[in-house]
Every structure is written in structure tokens, then in C-alpha cells.
Amino acid sequence: MELESYGQLQQDGKLQRAVRERMVAGLSTRNYRRAVESVVEGYGIEKSSVSRQFVAASSNQLRVLCERRLEDLNLVVLMIDGIHFGGQVLVVALGIAESGEKHVLGVWQGATENTTVVKGLLEDLVDRGLDMKRRYLVVMDGSKALRAGVERVFGDQVEVQRCQIHKRRNVKEYLPENCQKDYDRRMRNAYAMNNYAEAKEALQKIFRQLERINPTAARSLEEGLEETLTVHRLGIGGVLRRKLATTNPIESCLSTVQRVARNVKRWREGDQPLRWTATGLLEAEKKFRRIKGYQEILLLKERLNPSRIQQKEVRTVEVA
């Protein structure tokens, strides 16, 4: 006969929530029984039972994330990056709203970080309410697949910011060790400049010098150079510009996913990677704070959508 107390635990979700919290905190299914048997006995704390409870809890987390509506978020910035689990890639989207608040938007699963996966993720965001009439700043690394997927959905008018840290790292890898620190420092100083024209001139000077030292490194710097300066060209202030010039905000989010999933020893096919990633993303979201320099987010919005802002002002005057 089934214990009434055990049935209640299964029905009200308390056991699932308890399992999820402990698994996220790093407790493995093997050690779960030993960790709680001093408090409770006989409530289905074998490894297989704990595993089933976490599957149910993480499936609910995945459903919550995938059904999240986006109409009322007033997004200005989208960040896209990928994380690899068990030979598969999970492409994640993070949004920054007018208020400076960060939101996990969605996750999409694929075999590789290809254009189709990125396109599928972005189309899913549109289906859930992402406003296609608004222009966004899309921040990503140097992946050509990500870039192509973004352009297919948003068109060639999209504003893309390539990660400056990835660009510096790529150039550095082509240089001999005795040159790496010097050129990395010079690129960092160029990106730290406030003026777009001055920063671009400094980078072009580095490019001309690299052509004589290592043409491959020079071509690496030249490729997508303009898109590493998008935030400079848009005239964004120093604090916000530094935050939006790299993929650090979304990479910090993905590091939480890796920490949450660190006890998984064997990845299976199906939705397992999706469930763990969704659980980690929602766990990271609990600790989100406003992005530094958020006071200039509205200025960025106006720079991205000047006609939209002007039309709104005209309608306001007509009504008055």
C-alpha cells in the first residue's frame, strides 16, 4: 500500500522542488540519500527516484523558459552564445531591457553551432513576441554561423557588435610569444578610446604593422573589424560601452549552467541537455542585476530606432 504522506509529497511538488534545489547546489543522485537520511526516511530517496524527480522538475523549468512571453520586456540588446554538452550545442539568447534588467530569452539545441540552429532560436523568440519592427543591438562572438543566422532573421540592417575580447584573443594566437603581450595591450588601449574615429585609426595602424610581421594575424584583425566598433559608432558612454562590447554578460550566465551540470557524467540523447541548460539558466537569472551603465540604455534605443522615436513624438504633439 502506498503511504499517504509519500503520495502527498509527490502531488504537491515539494519533493521535486527539494530535489531540484539540491541538484542545482551540486548534490549528486548518488549522494542524495546519505545527505537527507538523517532527516527523513522512506520518502523515495534512492538514486533512481531522485533522478525521476529531477527529470520532472527540470522538464518544468524547460517548459517555463520555452513558453515565456516577450512582448512586455521592451528589449534593446540581444546577446547570443553557445555552450557544448555531450557532443551537442545549446545556443542561448539573453536580452537586456530598457531598464537595464537582463532576461534569459530562450535556448535551442543542435548538433553544431550552425546557421539553422541560430535561425530557429531567433524565429522562436519572434513567435513568442519579440518585436520585429524594432532594431536591436546584437552582441556575439566572431562565429560566422551566428552572424549569418542573425542576418537571415533580422535582415542586413541589424546592428551587430562583435566581442572585442574574442577579437584580441584571435589575433594574439597568430603572433609569436614575444609579440603577443605588446599587441594585445595596444588593441586593448584602442578599444578603450571613447572616440570612434580615433579607435578605428589606432586599430588600422596596428593592422598595417601586423601586415609586415604576420599577414595572417593582420587578416584576423581586419575581418569584422568594423563590427567590433559598433558601440563606439553608436556613441555609447564608457561604462555601458565596455559592458556591451563583449559577450561577458552571457558567458557569465553560461558558466552558471556549467557549474549546475558539473555532476553529469554521461550525456544522453533527447532533451537532457536542454533540461539541464534551462535549469542552469533560470538559476543564473535569480542573481541577475541591472547592467552597469544602464542609464544610457534609452540613448542606445534612440540611436537604434530614431524614426520610431520621432514618430512617437509627432503623434504625441498631434494628440495634444
Protein backbone atom coordinates (compact mmCIF):
# COMPACT_ATOMS: atom_id res chain seq x y z
CA MET A 1 0.00 0.00 0.00
CA GLU A 2 1.20 3.48 -0.82
CA LEU A 3 1.87 5.72 2.16
CA GLU A 4 -0.46 8.73 2.25
CA SER A 5 2.40 11.05 3.22
CA TYR A 6 4.50 9.81 0.28
CA GLY A 7 1.62 10.39 -2.12
CA GLN A 8 1.19 13.94 -0.86
CA LEU A 9 4.87 14.68 -1.35
CA GLN A 10 4.64 13.55 -4.95
CA GLN A 11 1.46 15.50 -5.69
CA ASP A 12 2.25 18.91 -4.21
CA GLY A 13 5.65 19.27 -5.87
CA LYS A 14 7.60 19.65 -2.62
CA LEU A 15 9.83 16.67 -3.37
CA GLN A 16 10.53 17.87 -6.90
CA ARG A 17 11.43 21.34 -5.68
CA ALA A 18 13.66 19.94 -2.94
CA VAL A 19 15.45 17.65 -5.39
CA ARG A 20 15.93 20.46 -7.91
CA GLU A 21 17.39 22.84 -5.31
CA ARG A 22 19.86 20.24 -4.07
CA MET A 23 20.89 19.10 -7.54
CA VAL A 24 21.47 22.70 -8.60
CA ALA A 25 23.59 23.18 -5.49
CA GLY A 26 25.83 20.33 -6.64
CA LEU A 27 24.48 17.28 -4.80
CA SER A 28 24.63 14.17 -6.98
CA THR A 29 21.94 11.50 -7.17
CA ARG A 30 24.39 9.02 -5.63
CA ASN A 31 24.86 11.12 -2.51
CA TYR A 32 21.30 12.39 -2.13
CA ARG A 33 20.12 9.60 0.17
CA ARG A 34 23.11 9.90 2.51
CA ALA A 35 22.62 13.67 2.69
CA VAL A 36 18.99 13.56 3.77
CA GLU A 37 18.51 10.21 5.53
CA SER A 38 19.35 11.79 8.88
CA VAL A 39 16.25 13.97 8.45
CA VAL A 40 13.72 11.73 6.71
CA GLU A 41 13.41 8.03 5.92
CA GLY A 42 11.45 6.16 3.31
CA TYR A 43 10.33 9.01 1.02
CA GLY A 44 11.77 7.69 -2.21
CA ILE A 45 15.34 8.91 -1.88
CA GLU A 46 17.03 6.15 -3.83
CA LYS A 47 19.19 7.26 -6.76
CA SER A 48 16.60 6.22 -9.35
CA SER A 49 13.79 8.01 -7.52
CA VAL A 50 15.81 11.21 -7.15
CA SER A 51 16.68 11.05 -10.83
CA ARG A 52 13.00 10.76 -11.80
CA GLN A 53 12.08 13.68 -9.56
CA PHE A 54 14.80 15.86 -11.11
CA VAL A 55 13.69 14.93 -14.63
CA ALA A 56 10.18 16.09 -13.75
CA ALA A 57 11.44 19.30 -12.08
CA SER A 58 13.87 20.20 -14.87
CA SER A 59 11.24 19.45 -17.53
CA ASN A 60 9.03 22.01 -15.83
CA GLN A 61 11.91 24.51 -15.87
CA LEU A 62 12.38 23.93 -19.59
CA ARG A 63 8.67 24.41 -20.24
CA VAL A 64 8.63 27.67 -18.26
CA LEU A 65 11.56 29.02 -20.29
CA CYS A 66 10.25 27.90 -23.68
CA GLU A 67 6.77 29.35 -23.08
CA ARG A 68 7.95 32.70 -21.73
CA ARG A 69 6.30 35.64 -23.50
CA LEU A 70 8.48 38.56 -24.61
CA GLU A 71 6.03 41.32 -25.63
CA ASP A 72 6.33 43.36 -22.45
CA LEU A 73 10.10 43.18 -21.90
CA ASN A 74 10.97 46.26 -24.04
CA LEU A 75 14.27 44.75 -25.16
CA VAL A 76 17.09 46.83 -26.62
CA VAL A 77 20.05 44.41 -26.68
CA LEU A 78 20.24 40.71 -27.58
CA MET A 79 23.26 38.56 -26.71
CA ILE A 80 23.78 35.16 -28.33
CA ASP A 81 26.28 32.45 -27.46
CA GLY A 82 26.56 28.67 -27.33
CA ILE A 83 27.51 26.00 -24.81
CA HIS A 84 28.52 22.40 -25.58
CA PHE A 85 27.24 19.31 -23.76
CA GLY A 86 27.76 15.71 -24.83
CA GLY A 87 28.69 16.48 -28.42
CA GLN A 88 25.72 18.83 -28.85
CA VAL A 89 25.49 22.61 -28.79
CA LEU A 90 22.89 24.67 -26.96
CA VAL A 91 22.54 28.20 -28.38
CA VAL A 92 21.28 30.66 -25.77
CA ALA A 93 19.79 34.15 -26.10
CA LEU A 94 19.97 36.80 -23.38
CA GLY A 95 18.09 40.11 -23.56
CA ILE A 96 18.69 43.48 -21.94
CA ALA A 97 15.63 45.70 -21.47
CA GLU A 98 15.22 49.48 -21.41
CA SER A 99 15.51 49.41 -17.63
CA GLY A 100 18.88 47.65 -17.81
CA GLU A 101 17.46 44.37 -16.48
CA LYS A 102 18.69 41.13 -18.03
CA HIS A 103 16.37 38.30 -19.08
CA VAL A 104 17.04 34.78 -20.33
CA LEU A 105 15.05 34.58 -23.57
CA GLY A 106 15.48 31.07 -24.89
CA VAL A 107 17.64 28.09 -25.77
CA TRP A 108 17.84 25.97 -28.93
CA GLN A 109 19.51 22.60 -29.41
CA GLY A 110 21.61 21.42 -32.34
CA ALA A 111 24.49 19.20 -33.33
CA THR A 112 26.72 22.19 -34.13
CA GLU A 113 26.61 25.97 -33.78
CA ASN A 114 25.26 26.40 -37.29
CA THR A 115 23.10 28.98 -39.03
CA THR A 116 19.97 26.81 -38.91
CA VAL A 117 20.12 26.48 -35.11
CA VAL A 118 20.55 30.24 -34.63
CA LYS A 119 17.75 30.96 -37.08
CA GLY A 120 15.48 28.52 -35.24
CA LEU A 121 16.20 30.19 -31.90
CA LEU A 122 15.52 33.70 -33.20
CA GLU A 123 12.35 32.67 -35.01
CA ASP A 124 11.14 31.10 -31.76
CA LEU A 125 11.75 34.43 -29.99
CA VAL A 126 9.70 36.20 -32.68
CA ASP A 127 6.87 33.67 -32.25
CA ARG A 128 6.86 34.43 -28.52
CA GLY A 129 6.51 38.16 -29.02
CA LEU A 130 9.87 39.69 -29.97
CA ASP A 131 9.05 42.94 -31.81
CA MET A 132 10.44 42.70 -35.35
CA LYS A 133 9.63 46.35 -36.05
CA ARG A 134 12.32 47.41 -33.59
CA ARG A 135 16.05 47.37 -34.31
CA TYR A 136 18.26 45.70 -31.72
CA LEU A 137 21.95 45.67 -30.91
CA VAL A 138 23.00 42.02 -31.23
CA VAL A 139 26.19 41.10 -29.35
CA MET A 140 28.03 37.88 -30.27
CA ASP A 141 31.46 36.39 -30.77
CA GLY A 142 33.11 36.04 -34.16
CA SER A 143 31.15 32.97 -35.27
CA LYS A 144 30.12 33.24 -38.93
CA ALA A 145 27.20 30.86 -38.32
CA LEU A 146 25.80 33.15 -35.62
CA ARG A 147 26.23 36.17 -37.86
CA ALA A 148 24.51 34.51 -40.81
CA GLY A 149 21.59 33.33 -38.68
CA VAL A 150 21.05 36.81 -37.24
CA GLU A 151 21.09 38.38 -40.70
CA ARG A 152 18.58 35.86 -42.06
CA VAL A 153 16.05 36.75 -39.37
CA PHE A 154 16.69 40.49 -38.84
CA GLY A 155 17.98 41.45 -42.30
CA ASP A 156 21.10 43.33 -43.33
CA GLN A 157 20.14 46.43 -41.32
CA VAL A 158 20.79 44.71 -37.98
CA GLU A 159 23.42 46.29 -35.73
CA VAL A 160 25.96 43.67 -34.66
CA GLN A 161 28.63 44.11 -32.01
CA ARG A 162 31.43 41.57 -32.27
CA CYS A 163 33.11 40.69 -28.98
CA GLN A 164 36.34 42.68 -28.59
CA ILE A 165 37.87 40.14 -26.23
CA HIS A 166 37.39 37.35 -28.78
CA LYS A 167 38.97 39.54 -31.46
CA ARG A 168 42.01 40.27 -29.29
CA ARG A 169 42.34 36.58 -28.44
CA ASN A 170 42.13 35.51 -32.08
CA VAL A 171 44.83 37.96 -33.18
CA LYS A 172 47.06 37.02 -30.25
CA GLU A 173 47.01 33.33 -31.17
CA TYR A 174 48.62 34.05 -34.56
CA LEU A 175 51.55 36.00 -33.10
CA PRO A 176 54.84 34.72 -31.68
CA GLU A 177 55.06 34.83 -27.88
CA ASN A 178 57.48 37.77 -27.81
CA CYS A 179 54.89 39.95 -29.62
CA GLN A 180 51.65 38.80 -28.01
CA LYS A 181 51.56 40.97 -24.90
CA ASP A 182 52.56 44.15 -26.73
CA TYR A 183 49.96 43.89 -29.49
CA ASP A 184 47.24 42.74 -27.11
CA ARG A 185 47.91 45.80 -24.94
CA ARG A 186 47.76 48.10 -27.96
CA MET A 187 44.47 46.61 -29.14
CA ARG A 188 43.03 46.91 -25.62
CA ASN A 189 44.05 50.58 -25.49
CA ALA A 190 42.50 51.22 -28.91
CA TYR A 191 39.16 49.70 -27.85
CA ALA A 192 39.28 51.77 -24.64
CA MET A 193 39.20 55.03 -26.64
CA ASN A 194 35.95 56.96 -26.46
CA ASN A 195 36.00 58.37 -29.98
CA TYR A 196 35.00 56.06 -32.82
CA ALA A 197 37.31 57.61 -35.44
CA GLU A 198 40.32 57.58 -33.11
CA ALA A 199 39.74 53.97 -32.08
CA LYS A 200 39.40 52.86 -35.70
CA GLU A 201 42.55 54.72 -36.74
CA ALA A 202 44.51 53.11 -33.89
CA LEU A 203 43.35 49.64 -34.95
CA GLN A 204 44.16 50.32 -38.61
CA LYS A 205 47.66 51.38 -37.58
CA ILE A 206 48.08 48.08 -35.75
CA PHE A 207 46.80 46.28 -38.87
CA ARG A 208 49.42 47.95 -41.08
CA GLN A 209 52.18 46.96 -38.68
CA LEU A 210 50.92 43.39 -38.44
CA GLU A 211 50.99 43.07 -42.22
CA ARG A 212 54.78 43.30 -42.04
CA ILE A 213 55.11 40.94 -39.06
CA ASN A 214 52.40 38.33 -39.66
CA PRO A 215 49.91 38.76 -42.53
CA THR A 216 47.65 36.06 -41.07
CA ALA A 217 47.30 37.98 -37.80
CA ALA A 218 46.62 41.13 -39.83
CA ARG A 219 43.81 39.43 -41.75
CA SER A 220 42.36 38.14 -38.48
CA LEU A 221 42.25 41.71 -37.14
CA GLU A 222 40.77 43.09 -40.36
CA GLU A 223 37.97 40.51 -40.56
CA GLY A 224 34.89 42.02 -38.92
CA LEU A 225 36.89 44.97 -37.55
CA GLU A 226 34.08 47.45 -38.16
CA GLU A 227 31.61 45.36 -36.17
CA THR A 228 33.90 45.34 -33.13
CA LEU A 229 33.41 49.14 -33.03
CA THR A 230 29.62 49.26 -33.34
CA VAL A 231 29.12 50.56 -29.78
CA HIS A 232 31.74 53.25 -30.48
CA ARG A 233 29.96 54.28 -33.67
CA LEU A 234 26.63 54.49 -31.84
CA GLY A 235 28.18 56.93 -29.36
CA ILE A 236 27.55 54.90 -26.20
CA GLY A 237 29.27 56.10 -23.00
CA GLY A 238 32.24 54.38 -21.42
CA VAL A 239 30.63 52.20 -18.72
CA LEU A 240 27.80 50.81 -20.86
CA ARG A 241 30.07 50.56 -23.89
CA ARG A 242 32.51 48.32 -22.05
CA LYS A 243 29.68 46.02 -20.96
CA LEU A 244 28.16 45.73 -24.43
CA ALA A 245 31.48 45.43 -26.29
CA THR A 246 31.98 41.84 -25.12
CA THR A 247 29.94 38.69 -24.56
CA ASN A 248 30.93 38.60 -20.86
CA PRO A 249 27.34 39.01 -19.55
CA ILE A 250 26.05 35.92 -21.35
CA GLU A 251 29.27 33.96 -20.75
CA SER A 252 28.85 34.57 -17.03
CA CYS A 253 25.35 33.15 -17.36
CA LEU A 254 26.66 30.06 -19.19
CA SER A 255 29.31 29.49 -16.53
CA THR A 256 26.46 29.01 -14.04
CA VAL A 257 24.99 26.38 -16.38
CA GLN A 258 28.33 24.55 -16.43
CA ARG A 259 28.52 24.67 -12.63
CA VAL A 260 24.98 23.33 -12.23
CA ALA A 261 25.65 20.46 -14.68
CA ARG A 262 29.12 19.59 -13.38
CA ASN A 263 27.99 16.27 -11.86
CA VAL A 264 26.57 14.91 -15.11
CA LYS A 265 28.98 12.17 -16.21
CA ARG A 266 27.10 10.80 -19.20
CA TRP A 267 25.01 12.85 -21.61
CA ARG A 268 22.16 11.08 -23.34
CA GLU A 269 20.18 11.88 -26.45
CA GLY A 270 16.86 13.67 -26.18
CA ASP A 271 16.05 16.65 -24.03
CA GLN A 272 18.59 16.01 -21.23
CA PRO A 273 20.99 18.79 -22.34
CA LEU A 274 18.04 21.16 -22.80
CA ARG A 275 16.65 20.40 -19.34
CA TRP A 276 19.97 20.93 -17.58
CA THR A 277 20.69 24.10 -19.55
CA ALA A 278 17.25 25.57 -18.80
CA THR A 279 17.67 24.76 -15.10
CA GLY A 280 21.08 26.43 -15.03
CA LEU A 281 19.87 29.49 -16.93
CA LEU A 282 16.93 30.09 -14.60
CA GLU A 283 19.25 29.60 -11.63
CA ALA A 284 21.61 32.25 -13.04
CA GLU A 285 18.68 34.59 -13.66
CA LYS A 286 17.91 34.66 -9.94
CA LYS A 287 21.16 36.57 -9.38
CA PHE A 288 20.86 38.96 -12.32
CA ARG A 289 21.42 42.65 -11.63
CA ARG A 290 20.98 45.67 -13.85
CA ILE A 291 23.79 46.05 -16.32
CA LYS A 292 26.29 48.74 -15.33
CA GLY A 293 25.71 52.00 -17.21
CA TYR A 294 22.03 51.18 -17.71
CA GLN A 295 21.21 54.90 -17.55
CA GLU A 296 22.30 55.15 -21.21
CA ILE A 297 20.14 52.27 -22.46
CA LEU A 298 17.42 54.70 -23.59
CA LEU A 299 20.03 56.68 -25.54
CA LEU A 300 21.08 53.47 -27.26
CA LYS A 301 17.44 52.72 -28.05
CA GLU A 302 17.05 56.15 -29.69
CA ARG A 303 20.22 55.65 -31.74
CA LEU A 304 18.96 52.29 -32.95
CA ASN A 305 15.40 53.45 -33.70
CA PRO A 306 15.49 57.18 -34.50
CA SER A 307 12.47 57.19 -36.82
CA ARG A 308 10.40 55.18 -34.32
CA ILE A 309 11.13 57.68 -31.53
CA GLN A 310 10.43 60.69 -33.78
CA GLN A 311 7.13 59.23 -35.00
CA LYS A 312 6.05 58.66 -31.41
CA GLU A 313 6.87 62.29 -30.55
CA VAL A 314 4.93 63.54 -33.60
CA ARG A 315 1.84 61.52 -32.61
CA THR A 316 2.08 62.90 -29.09
CA VAL A 317 2.12 66.51 -30.40
CA GLU A 318 -0.84 65.85 -32.70
CA VAL A 319 -2.91 64.45 -29.83
CA ALA A 320 -2.03 67.45 -27.66
